[in-house]
Amino acid sequence: MPTQVTIEIDEMGRVILAPELLSALRLSPGTALVSELKEGRIVLEPLPEDPELIEKDGLLVVRPRITGNIANWVQQDRDDRITSLIREFR
């Protein structure tokens, strides 16, 4: 995927990120982003979610909230591993 992608702002002021960008960043529809203006640039970062504190077998356990599509993460990891192995054996 190219590191620079041109996107447009629609009539309602919305920005739609390219599917390749969403996949590379492991973002999915509904992911909350924080926008910040830094040195004349717009910076978008996923909103960190507070982990969930649960009791399990009498102990307090921290369970992080998973954002995004796990199936996509697994597939991306597999694809990366296959690509790495192919390069290794060439």
Protein backbone atom coordinates (compact mmCIF):
# COMPACT_ATOMS: atom_id res chain seq x y z
CA MET A 1 0.00 0.00 0.00
CA PRO A 2 1.31 3.47 -0.80
CA THR A 3 2.23 5.57 2.23
CA GLN A 4 0.35 8.57 0.83
CA VAL A 5 -3.27 8.39 -0.25
CA THR A 6 -5.33 11.34 -1.53
CA ILE A 7 -8.79 11.63 0.01
CA GLU A 8 -11.52 14.25 -0.30
CA ILE A 9 -13.85 15.96 2.12
CA ASP A 10 -17.49 15.50 1.09
CA GLU A 11 -20.26 18.12 1.16
CA MET A 12 -21.03 17.31 4.81
CA GLY A 13 -17.40 17.70 5.92
CA ARG A 14 -16.75 13.97 6.22
CA VAL A 15 -13.54 12.22 5.29
CA ILE A 16 -13.64 8.62 4.09
CA LEU A 17 -10.45 6.63 4.58
CA ALA A 18 -9.40 4.21 1.87
CA PRO A 19 -10.06 0.51 2.61
CA GLU A 20 -6.34 -0.25 2.22
CA LEU A 21 -5.54 2.33 4.90
CA LEU A 22 -8.18 0.94 7.27
CA SER A 23 -6.85 -2.57 6.75
CA ALA A 24 -3.21 -1.59 7.21
CA LEU A 25 -4.05 0.25 10.45
CA ARG A 26 -6.41 -2.52 11.57
CA LEU A 27 -9.33 -0.13 11.94
CA SER A 28 -12.93 -1.13 11.42
CA PRO A 29 -16.22 0.75 11.02
CA GLY A 30 -17.27 2.19 14.34
CA THR A 31 -13.74 2.68 15.67
CA ALA A 32 -13.62 5.99 17.55
CA LEU A 33 -10.79 8.31 16.51
CA VAL A 34 -9.34 11.36 18.25
CA SER A 35 -8.51 14.25 15.92
CA GLU A 36 -5.82 16.76 16.77
CA LEU A 37 -4.34 19.74 14.96
CA LYS A 38 -0.53 19.63 15.11
CA GLU A 39 1.65 22.10 13.26
CA GLY A 40 -0.99 22.69 10.59
CA ARG A 41 -1.71 18.97 10.13
CA ILE A 42 -4.68 16.85 11.13
CA VAL A 43 -3.62 13.84 13.19
CA LEU A 44 -6.09 10.97 13.71
CA GLU A 45 -5.48 8.32 16.35
CA PRO A 46 -7.72 5.53 17.66
CA LEU A 47 -9.39 6.52 20.91
CA PRO A 48 -7.87 4.38 23.65
CA GLU A 49 -10.52 2.45 25.53
CA ASP A 50 -10.34 1.78 29.22
CA PRO A 51 -9.78 -1.89 29.96
CA GLU A 52 -12.54 -3.77 31.75
CA LEU A 53 -11.91 -4.90 35.33
CA ILE A 54 -13.60 -8.23 36.12
CA GLU A 55 -13.51 -10.74 38.94
CA LYS A 56 -12.39 -14.23 37.98
CA ASP A 57 -11.98 -16.99 40.56
CA GLY A 58 -11.83 -14.42 43.35
CA LEU A 59 -9.16 -12.31 41.63
CA LEU A 60 -9.49 -8.98 39.85
CA VAL A 61 -8.42 -9.37 36.24
CA VAL A 62 -7.97 -6.69 33.60
CA ARG A 63 -9.56 -7.60 30.29
CA PRO A 64 -8.73 -5.13 27.50
CA ARG A 65 -11.53 -4.18 25.16
CA ILE A 66 -10.79 -5.33 21.64
CA THR A 67 -11.53 -2.85 18.90
CA GLY A 68 -11.53 -3.81 15.29
CA ASN A 69 -12.09 -7.03 13.45
CA ILE A 70 -10.06 -9.90 14.87
CA ALA A 71 -10.53 -12.02 11.75
CA ASN A 72 -8.90 -9.27 9.69
CA TRP A 73 -5.99 -9.06 12.16
CA VAL A 74 -5.43 -12.81 11.99
CA GLN A 75 -5.58 -12.80 8.18
CA GLN A 76 -3.17 -9.86 7.98
CA ASP A 77 -0.76 -11.62 10.35
CA ARG A 78 -0.93 -14.80 8.25
CA ASP A 79 -0.37 -12.85 5.05
CA ASP A 80 2.63 -11.07 6.59
CA ARG A 81 4.10 -14.38 7.75
CA ILE A 82 3.65 -16.01 4.33
CA THR A 83 5.26 -13.01 2.64
CA SER A 84 8.17 -13.21 5.08
CA LEU A 85 8.65 -16.93 4.43
CA ILE A 86 8.54 -16.46 0.67
CA ARG A 87 11.24 -13.77 0.87
CA GLU A 88 13.33 -15.99 3.15
CA PHE A 89 13.35 -18.94 0.75
CA ARG A 90 13.95 -17.05 -2.50
